[in-house]
Amino acid sequence: MGTKLRVLVVEDDATVRDVLTTLLGFDGFVVAAAPDGSRGLQMAESLQPDIVLLDVGLPGIDGLEICRSIRKRSPDTRVVMVTGRGTAEDELDGVAAGADAYLRKPFSPLELLDALGVGENGSVLR
């Protein structure tokens, strides 16, 4: 990957957050992480990441609300919902909020990288 893409991980489960941060760091991304919705929204606004990995069920502001806010302010930011909620209705809610991809836990590292939508040249695909 040529340019290092900035990824924000917004996940309240410390173990999942650490695994995602470590995995993405090994793959050459610049990674920041937030433990809850309020901090995640603040960091999304200040850091302007290329990609946001966003849990749906967050304390404070939920992932769907954060997704809608990111979509209004930064329409080119790729948003990937990462969640244990696995129904078709949940996925439709994520897409309706503006998510580019919906990744159900548990997932493999290859599924994660695919959901990030990064091309061979390191650019974010829409």
N, C-alpha and C. Protein backbone atom coordinates (compact mmCIF):
# COMPACT_ATOMS: atom_id res chain seq x y z
N MET A 1 0.85 -1.16 0.00
CA MET A 1 0.00 0.00 0.00
C MET A 1 0.90 1.23 0.00
N GLY A 2 0.69 2.17 -0.93
CA GLY A 2 1.52 3.35 -1.04
C GLY A 2 1.27 4.35 0.08
N THR A 3 0.17 5.04 0.06
CA THR A 3 -0.18 6.02 1.07
C THR A 3 -0.80 5.31 2.26
N LYS A 4 -0.38 5.71 3.45
CA LYS A 4 -0.96 5.09 4.64
C LYS A 4 -2.31 5.71 4.92
N LEU A 5 -3.34 4.89 4.84
CA LEU A 5 -4.69 5.36 5.10
C LEU A 5 -4.95 5.44 6.60
N ARG A 6 -5.74 6.42 6.99
CA ARG A 6 -6.10 6.61 8.39
C ARG A 6 -7.42 5.91 8.66
N VAL A 7 -7.41 5.05 9.68
CA VAL A 7 -8.59 4.31 10.07
C VAL A 7 -8.93 4.65 11.51
N LEU A 8 -10.20 4.94 11.75
CA LEU A 8 -10.69 5.14 13.11
C LEU A 8 -11.54 3.94 13.48
N VAL A 9 -11.21 3.30 14.59
CA VAL A 9 -11.96 2.16 15.11
C VAL A 9 -12.78 2.67 16.29
N VAL A 10 -14.11 2.55 16.19
CA VAL A 10 -14.99 2.96 17.29
C VAL A 10 -15.68 1.69 17.79
N GLU A 11 -15.21 1.21 18.93
CA GLU A 11 -15.64 -0.10 19.46
C GLU A 11 -15.55 -0.06 20.98
N ASP A 12 -16.64 -0.42 21.66
CA ASP A 12 -16.64 -0.37 23.12
C ASP A 12 -16.02 -1.61 23.77
N ASP A 13 -15.92 -2.72 23.07
CA ASP A 13 -15.29 -3.92 23.61
C ASP A 13 -13.77 -3.77 23.46
N ALA A 14 -13.08 -3.65 24.60
CA ALA A 14 -11.64 -3.39 24.58
C ALA A 14 -10.86 -4.46 23.82
N THR A 15 -11.25 -5.72 23.95
CA THR A 15 -10.54 -6.80 23.27
C THR A 15 -10.70 -6.67 21.75
N VAL A 16 -11.91 -6.47 21.29
CA VAL A 16 -12.15 -6.33 19.86
C VAL A 16 -11.43 -5.09 19.33
N ARG A 17 -11.50 -4.00 20.08
CA ARG A 17 -10.83 -2.75 19.68
C ARG A 17 -9.32 -2.98 19.55
N ASP A 18 -8.72 -3.67 20.52
CA ASP A 18 -7.28 -3.93 20.48
C ASP A 18 -6.90 -4.84 19.31
N VAL A 19 -7.71 -5.87 19.07
CA VAL A 19 -7.42 -6.78 17.95
C VAL A 19 -7.50 -6.03 16.63
N LEU A 20 -8.56 -5.24 16.43
CA LEU A 20 -8.69 -4.48 15.18
C LEU A 20 -7.54 -3.49 15.01
N THR A 21 -7.20 -2.80 16.08
CA THR A 21 -6.11 -1.81 16.01
C THR A 21 -4.79 -2.49 15.65
N THR A 22 -4.51 -3.61 16.29
CA THR A 22 -3.27 -4.34 16.03
C THR A 22 -3.24 -4.88 14.61
N LEU A 23 -4.31 -5.53 14.20
CA LEU A 23 -4.38 -6.11 12.86
C LEU A 23 -4.20 -5.04 11.78
N LEU A 24 -4.90 -3.94 11.92
CA LEU A 24 -4.80 -2.87 10.92
C LEU A 24 -3.42 -2.22 10.93
N GLY A 25 -2.83 -2.11 12.11
CA GLY A 25 -1.47 -1.57 12.19
C GLY A 25 -0.47 -2.45 11.46
N PHE A 26 -0.62 -3.77 11.61
CA PHE A 26 0.25 -4.71 10.89
C PHE A 26 0.07 -4.59 9.39
N ASP A 27 -1.13 -4.23 8.95
CA ASP A 27 -1.40 -4.10 7.52
C ASP A 27 -1.04 -2.73 6.97
N GLY A 28 -0.41 -1.89 7.78
CA GLY A 28 0.11 -0.63 7.28
C GLY A 28 -0.83 0.57 7.38
N PHE A 29 -1.94 0.43 8.08
CA PHE A 29 -2.84 1.56 8.28
C PHE A 29 -2.38 2.38 9.47
N VAL A 30 -2.69 3.66 9.48
CA VAL A 30 -2.51 4.50 10.65
C VAL A 30 -3.83 4.43 11.40
N VAL A 31 -3.79 3.93 12.64
CA VAL A 31 -5.03 3.60 13.35
C VAL A 31 -5.18 4.42 14.62
N ALA A 32 -6.39 4.94 14.80
CA ALA A 32 -6.79 5.57 16.05
C ALA A 32 -8.01 4.82 16.54
N ALA A 33 -8.27 4.87 17.84
CA ALA A 33 -9.40 4.11 18.39
C ALA A 33 -10.14 4.91 19.44
N ALA A 34 -11.45 4.66 19.49
CA ALA A 34 -12.31 5.31 20.47
C ALA A 34 -13.15 4.24 21.17
N PRO A 35 -13.38 4.39 22.50
CA PRO A 35 -14.10 3.38 23.26
C PRO A 35 -15.62 3.57 23.34
N ASP A 36 -16.11 4.69 22.83
CA ASP A 36 -17.56 4.94 22.91
C ASP A 36 -17.99 5.89 21.80
N GLY A 37 -19.31 6.05 21.67
CA GLY A 37 -19.85 6.85 20.58
C GLY A 37 -19.48 8.32 20.63
N SER A 38 -19.52 8.92 21.82
CA SER A 38 -19.21 10.35 21.93
C SER A 38 -17.78 10.64 21.52
N ARG A 39 -16.85 9.85 22.05
CA ARG A 39 -15.43 10.04 21.70
C ARG A 39 -15.20 9.71 20.22
N GLY A 40 -15.88 8.68 19.73
CA GLY A 40 -15.74 8.32 18.32
C GLY A 40 -16.17 9.43 17.39
N LEU A 41 -17.27 10.08 17.71
CA LEU A 41 -17.76 11.18 16.88
C LEU A 41 -16.78 12.35 16.93
N GLN A 42 -16.27 12.66 18.12
CA GLN A 42 -15.27 13.74 18.25
C GLN A 42 -14.03 13.43 17.41
N MET A 43 -13.55 12.20 17.51
CA MET A 43 -12.35 11.82 16.78
C MET A 43 -12.59 11.80 15.27
N ALA A 44 -13.76 11.38 14.85
CA ALA A 44 -14.08 11.37 13.41
C ALA A 44 -14.03 12.80 12.87
N GLU A 45 -14.54 13.74 13.65
CA GLU A 45 -14.54 15.14 13.20
C GLU A 45 -13.15 15.74 13.20
N SER A 46 -12.35 15.43 14.22
CA SER A 46 -11.03 16.05 14.31
C SER A 46 -9.98 15.37 13.43
N LEU A 47 -10.02 14.05 13.32
CA LEU A 47 -9.00 13.31 12.57
C LEU A 47 -9.29 13.21 11.07
N GLN A 48 -10.56 13.31 10.69
CA GLN A 48 -10.95 13.14 9.29
C GLN A 48 -10.34 11.86 8.70
N PRO A 49 -10.66 10.70 9.27
CA PRO A 49 -10.08 9.45 8.78
C PRO A 49 -10.60 9.11 7.39
N ASP A 50 -9.84 8.26 6.71
CA ASP A 50 -10.27 7.76 5.40
C ASP A 50 -11.35 6.70 5.55
N ILE A 51 -11.25 5.92 6.64
CA ILE A 51 -12.16 4.80 6.89
C ILE A 51 -12.53 4.81 8.37
N VAL A 52 -13.80 4.54 8.66
CA VAL A 52 -14.24 4.39 10.05
C VAL A 52 -14.85 3.00 10.20
N LEU A 53 -14.32 2.22 11.15
CA LEU A 53 -14.91 0.95 11.54
C LEU A 53 -15.75 1.26 12.77
N LEU A 54 -17.03 0.98 12.68
CA LEU A 54 -17.97 1.51 13.64
C LEU A 54 -18.90 0.42 14.18
N ASP A 55 -18.81 0.17 15.48
CA ASP A 55 -19.75 -0.76 16.12
C ASP A 55 -21.12 -0.09 16.16
N VAL A 56 -22.18 -0.86 16.07
CA VAL A 56 -23.53 -0.30 16.12
C VAL A 56 -23.93 -0.01 17.56
N GLY A 57 -23.75 -0.99 18.44
CA GLY A 57 -24.20 -0.86 19.82
C GLY A 57 -23.16 -0.24 20.71
N LEU A 58 -23.09 1.07 20.71
CA LEU A 58 -22.11 1.79 21.51
C LEU A 58 -22.79 2.53 22.66
N PRO A 59 -22.08 2.69 23.78
CA PRO A 59 -22.64 3.53 24.83
C PRO A 59 -22.65 4.99 24.38
N GLY A 60 -23.63 5.73 24.85
CA GLY A 60 -23.75 7.13 24.44
C GLY A 60 -24.42 7.22 23.09
N ILE A 61 -23.72 7.73 22.13
CA ILE A 61 -24.24 7.87 20.78
C ILE A 61 -24.05 6.55 20.05
N ASP A 62 -25.12 6.00 19.46
CA ASP A 62 -24.98 4.70 18.79
C ASP A 62 -24.32 4.85 17.42
N GLY A 63 -23.88 3.71 16.89
CA GLY A 63 -23.16 3.70 15.62
C GLY A 63 -23.94 4.22 14.44
N LEU A 64 -25.25 4.00 14.42
CA LEU A 64 -26.06 4.48 13.31
C LEU A 64 -26.10 6.00 13.28
N GLU A 65 -26.22 6.61 14.46
CA GLU A 65 -26.24 8.08 14.53
C GLU A 65 -24.88 8.66 14.12
N ILE A 66 -23.81 8.01 14.56
CA ILE A 66 -22.47 8.46 14.18
C ILE A 66 -22.29 8.34 12.67
N CYS A 67 -22.75 7.25 12.11
CA CYS A 67 -22.65 7.04 10.66
C CYS A 67 -23.36 8.16 9.90
N ARG A 68 -24.57 8.49 10.32
CA ARG A 68 -25.31 9.57 9.66
C ARG A 68 -24.56 10.90 9.75
N SER A 69 -23.97 11.16 10.90
CA SER A 69 -23.22 12.40 11.09
C SER A 69 -21.97 12.44 10.21
N ILE A 70 -21.25 11.33 10.15
CA ILE A 70 -20.06 11.26 9.29
C ILE A 70 -20.46 11.46 7.84
N ARG A 71 -21.53 10.82 7.44
CA ARG A 71 -21.98 10.90 6.05
C ARG A 71 -22.31 12.34 5.65
N LYS A 72 -22.91 13.12 6.59
CA LYS A 72 -23.24 14.53 6.30
C LYS A 72 -21.99 15.39 6.18
N ARG A 73 -21.03 15.16 7.08
CA ARG A 73 -19.83 16.01 7.14
C ARG A 73 -18.73 15.58 6.18
N SER A 74 -18.61 14.30 5.97
CA SER A 74 -17.50 13.75 5.17
C SER A 74 -18.02 12.65 4.26
N PRO A 75 -18.72 13.00 3.19
CA PRO A 75 -19.34 11.98 2.35
C PRO A 75 -18.36 10.99 1.71
N ASP A 76 -17.09 11.34 1.62
CA ASP A 76 -16.12 10.44 1.00
C ASP A 76 -15.47 9.47 1.98
N THR A 77 -15.72 9.64 3.27
CA THR A 77 -15.18 8.72 4.26
C THR A 77 -15.91 7.39 4.14
N ARG A 78 -15.16 6.31 4.06
CA ARG A 78 -15.77 4.98 4.00
C ARG A 78 -16.16 4.56 5.41
N VAL A 79 -17.40 4.15 5.59
CA VAL A 79 -17.89 3.71 6.90
C VAL A 79 -18.25 2.23 6.82
N VAL A 80 -17.62 1.45 7.69
CA VAL A 80 -17.89 0.02 7.76
C VAL A 80 -18.48 -0.27 9.14
N MET A 81 -19.72 -0.73 9.15
CA MET A 81 -20.36 -1.12 10.40
C MET A 81 -19.81 -2.49 10.79
N VAL A 82 -19.35 -2.60 12.03
CA VAL A 82 -18.81 -3.85 12.56
C VAL A 82 -19.66 -4.20 13.77
N THR A 83 -20.42 -5.28 13.67
CA THR A 83 -21.41 -5.52 14.72
C THR A 83 -21.75 -6.99 14.90
N GLY A 84 -22.27 -7.29 16.07
CA GLY A 84 -22.79 -8.62 16.36
C GLY A 84 -24.24 -8.76 15.94
N ARG A 85 -24.86 -7.65 15.57
CA ARG A 85 -26.25 -7.68 15.11
C ARG A 85 -26.28 -8.19 13.68
N GLY A 86 -26.93 -9.33 13.49
CA GLY A 86 -26.78 -9.99 12.20
C GLY A 86 -28.01 -10.18 11.36
N THR A 87 -29.12 -9.53 11.69
CA THR A 87 -30.31 -9.74 10.87
C THR A 87 -30.26 -8.88 9.61
N ALA A 88 -31.05 -9.26 8.64
CA ALA A 88 -31.14 -8.47 7.41
C ALA A 88 -31.65 -7.06 7.72
N GLU A 89 -32.57 -6.95 8.67
CA GLU A 89 -33.09 -5.63 9.05
C GLU A 89 -31.99 -4.75 9.64
N ASP A 90 -31.13 -5.35 10.48
CA ASP A 90 -30.00 -4.59 11.04
C ASP A 90 -29.09 -4.07 9.93
N GLU A 91 -28.82 -4.93 8.97
CA GLU A 91 -27.95 -4.52 7.86
C GLU A 91 -28.61 -3.41 7.04
N LEU A 92 -29.90 -3.53 6.80
CA LEU A 92 -30.62 -2.47 6.08
C LEU A 92 -30.58 -1.16 6.84
N ASP A 93 -30.69 -1.21 8.18
CA ASP A 93 -30.59 0.01 8.99
C ASP A 93 -29.21 0.65 8.82
N GLY A 94 -28.17 -0.17 8.78
CA GLY A 94 -26.81 0.34 8.59
C GLY A 94 -26.64 1.00 7.23
N VAL A 95 -27.14 0.34 6.21
CA VAL A 95 -27.04 0.90 4.85
C VAL A 95 -27.85 2.19 4.75
N ALA A 96 -29.05 2.20 5.36
CA ALA A 96 -29.89 3.40 5.34
C ALA A 96 -29.22 4.57 6.06
N ALA A 97 -28.41 4.27 7.07
CA ALA A 97 -27.68 5.32 7.80
C ALA A 97 -26.49 5.83 7.00
N GLY A 98 -26.12 5.09 5.93
CA GLY A 98 -25.03 5.54 5.08
C GLY A 98 -23.80 4.66 5.08
N ALA A 99 -23.86 3.50 5.72
CA ALA A 99 -22.69 2.62 5.75
C ALA A 99 -22.37 2.09 4.36
N ASP A 100 -21.07 1.99 4.08
CA ASP A 100 -20.61 1.44 2.81
C ASP A 100 -20.53 -0.08 2.85
N ALA A 101 -20.34 -0.62 4.05
CA ALA A 101 -20.23 -2.07 4.22
C ALA A 101 -20.71 -2.43 5.61
N TYR A 102 -21.11 -3.69 5.76
CA TYR A 102 -21.65 -4.18 7.02
C TYR A 102 -20.96 -5.49 7.32
N LEU A 103 -20.19 -5.53 8.38
CA LEU A 103 -19.39 -6.70 8.72
C LEU A 103 -19.89 -7.29 10.03
N ARG A 104 -20.32 -8.55 9.97
CA ARG A 104 -20.86 -9.22 11.15
C ARG A 104 -19.76 -9.92 11.94
N LYS A 105 -19.78 -9.74 13.27
CA LYS A 105 -18.86 -10.46 14.15
C LYS A 105 -19.39 -11.87 14.34
N PRO A 106 -18.55 -12.87 14.43
CA PRO A 106 -17.11 -12.82 14.21
C PRO A 106 -16.78 -12.81 12.72
N PHE A 107 -15.65 -12.26 12.38
CA PHE A 107 -15.22 -12.18 10.98
C PHE A 107 -13.74 -12.51 10.90
N SER A 108 -13.29 -12.86 9.72
CA SER A 108 -11.88 -13.19 9.51
C SER A 108 -11.12 -11.93 9.11
N PRO A 109 -9.81 -11.95 9.26
CA PRO A 109 -9.02 -10.81 8.81
C PRO A 109 -9.22 -10.49 7.33
N LEU A 110 -9.40 -11.54 6.51
CA LEU A 110 -9.62 -11.30 5.08
C LEU A 110 -10.96 -10.61 4.83
N GLU A 111 -12.00 -10.99 5.59
CA GLU A 111 -13.29 -10.31 5.46
C GLU A 111 -13.17 -8.84 5.86
N LEU A 112 -12.39 -8.59 6.91
CA LEU A 112 -12.18 -7.21 7.35
C LEU A 112 -11.50 -6.40 6.26
N LEU A 113 -10.42 -6.91 5.71
CA LEU A 113 -9.69 -6.17 4.68
C LEU A 113 -10.56 -5.96 3.44
N ASP A 114 -11.37 -6.94 3.10
CA ASP A 114 -12.29 -6.78 1.97
C ASP A 114 -13.31 -5.68 2.25
N ALA A 115 -13.85 -5.64 3.46
CA ALA A 115 -14.85 -4.63 3.82
C ALA A 115 -14.25 -3.22 3.83
N LEU A 116 -12.94 -3.12 4.09
CA LEU A 116 -12.30 -1.80 4.08
C LEU A 116 -12.33 -1.18 2.69
N GLY A 117 -12.40 -2.03 1.67
CA GLY A 117 -12.53 -1.52 0.31
C GLY A 117 -11.32 -0.76 -0.18
N VAL A 118 -10.14 -1.28 0.09
CA VAL A 118 -8.92 -0.61 -0.33
C VAL A 118 -8.39 -1.26 -1.60
N GLY A 119 -8.14 -0.43 -2.62
CA GLY A 119 -7.62 -0.92 -3.88
C GLY A 119 -6.14 -1.25 -3.79
N GLU A 120 -5.64 -1.84 -4.87
CA GLU A 120 -4.22 -2.23 -4.89
C GLU A 120 -3.27 -1.05 -4.74
N ASN A 121 -3.70 0.12 -5.19
CA ASN A 121 -2.84 1.30 -5.09
C ASN A 121 -2.99 2.02 -3.76
N GLY A 122 -3.78 1.43 -2.84
CA GLY A 122 -3.94 2.01 -1.52
C GLY A 122 -5.08 3.01 -1.42
N SER A 123 -5.83 3.20 -2.48
CA SER A 123 -6.94 4.15 -2.42
C SER A 123 -8.19 3.46 -1.89
N VAL A 124 -9.06 4.24 -1.27
CA VAL A 124 -10.31 3.72 -0.75
C VAL A 124 -11.32 3.65 -1.87
N LEU A 125 -11.90 2.47 -2.06
CA LEU A 125 -12.91 2.28 -3.08
C LEU A 125 -14.26 2.63 -2.53
N ARG A 126 -15.16 3.12 -3.30
CA ARG A 126 -16.52 3.44 -2.82
C ARG A 126 -17.46 2.47 -3.38
